[in-house]
Protein backbone atom coordinates (compact mmCIF):
# COMPACT_ATOMS: atom_id res chain seq x y z
CA UNK A 1 3.01 15.04 -2.20
CA UNK A 2 5.60 13.84 0.29
CA UNK A 3 6.26 10.27 1.35
CA UNK A 4 4.86 11.09 4.81
CA UNK A 5 1.64 12.48 3.31
CA UNK A 6 1.25 9.27 1.29
CA UNK A 7 1.71 7.20 4.45
CA UNK A 8 -0.90 9.30 6.28
CA UNK A 9 -3.39 8.79 3.45
CA UNK A 10 -2.68 5.03 3.23
CA UNK A 11 -2.85 4.39 6.98
CA UNK A 12 -6.68 4.29 7.31
CA UNK A 13 -6.95 2.28 4.09
CA UNK A 14 -4.52 -0.32 5.43
CA UNK A 15 -6.21 -0.41 8.83
CA UNK A 16 -9.55 -1.09 7.18
CA UNK A 17 -8.42 -3.58 4.52
CA UNK A 18 -6.13 -5.57 6.81
CA UNK A 19 -8.69 -5.37 9.67
CA UNK A 20 -6.13 -4.00 12.10
CA UNK A 21 -7.36 -0.69 13.55
CA UNK A 22 -4.05 -0.01 15.33
CA UNK A 23 -1.82 -0.86 12.35
CA UNK A 24 1.00 1.59 11.78
CA UNK A 25 2.54 1.59 8.33
CA UNK A 26 6.20 0.62 8.22
CA UNK A 27 8.37 -0.08 5.21
CA UNK A 28 8.96 -3.68 6.32
CA UNK A 29 5.27 -4.67 6.53
CA UNK A 30 4.62 -7.66 4.30
CA UNK A 31 2.71 -10.93 4.09
CA UNK A 32 5.28 -12.68 6.29
CA UNK A 33 4.76 -10.36 9.27
CA UNK A 34 1.11 -9.33 8.79
CA UNK A 35 -1.30 -12.23 9.45
CA UNK A 36 -4.19 -10.63 7.56
CA UNK A 37 -2.07 -9.85 4.48
CA UNK A 38 -3.38 -12.39 1.99
CA UNK A 39 -3.49 -12.29 -1.80
CA UNK A 40 -7.06 -11.04 -1.54
CA UNK A 41 -6.38 -8.26 0.99
CA UNK A 42 -3.22 -7.27 -0.91
CA UNK A 43 -5.24 -6.91 -4.12
CA UNK A 44 -7.96 -4.97 -2.31
CA UNK A 45 -5.36 -2.68 -0.74
CA UNK A 46 -3.75 -1.97 -4.12
CA UNK A 47 -7.14 -1.26 -5.70
CA UNK A 48 -8.10 1.15 -2.93
CA UNK A 49 -4.66 2.77 -3.15
CA UNK A 50 -5.06 3.30 -6.89
CA UNK A 51 -8.50 4.85 -6.34
CA UNK A 52 -7.31 7.10 -3.49
CA UNK A 53 -4.45 8.55 -5.53
CA UNK A 54 -5.95 8.37 -9.02
CA UNK A 55 -3.15 6.13 -10.32
CA UNK A 56 -2.92 2.73 -12.00
CA UNK A 57 -0.17 0.22 -11.23
CA UNK A 58 1.30 -1.84 -14.05
CA UNK A 59 1.40 -5.62 -13.60
CA UNK A 60 5.21 -5.65 -13.39
CA UNK A 61 5.10 -3.05 -10.61
CA UNK A 62 2.60 -5.16 -8.68
CA UNK A 63 4.79 -8.23 -9.00
CA UNK A 64 7.72 -6.30 -7.47
CA UNK A 65 5.71 -4.86 -4.56
CA UNK A 66 6.48 -7.25 -1.73
CA UNK A 67 6.51 -4.74 1.14
CA UNK A 68 4.60 -1.66 2.23
CA UNK A 69 7.73 0.37 1.57
CA UNK A 70 7.71 -0.74 -2.07
CA UNK A 71 4.03 0.18 -2.38
CA UNK A 72 4.64 3.64 -0.90
CA UNK A 73 7.64 4.18 -3.20
CA UNK A 74 5.55 3.19 -6.23
CA UNK A 75 2.79 5.63 -5.28
CA UNK A 76 5.40 8.34 -4.88
CA UNK A 77 6.92 7.61 -8.29
CA UNK A 78 3.48 7.73 -9.95
CA UNK A 79 2.70 11.06 -8.34
CA UNK A 80 6.12 12.48 -9.28
CA UNK A 81 5.82 11.49 -12.95
């Protein structure tokens, strides 16, 4: 799966979880520039991401995921392993 395919699969999940129907995923999206990105929505997004791709993030990975780009890269690394 390519990075672009991951983004396309994550887009509707993010739009739903962050309650922003027009949200476009960018690598720099984070809590600081996304008003609805809270600890709760972040956790929900990660859970839905894990379910969508059939993967499981490790706690240390989660702690390092501060941006959407980092989340996408982690999904890609799980799928490439």
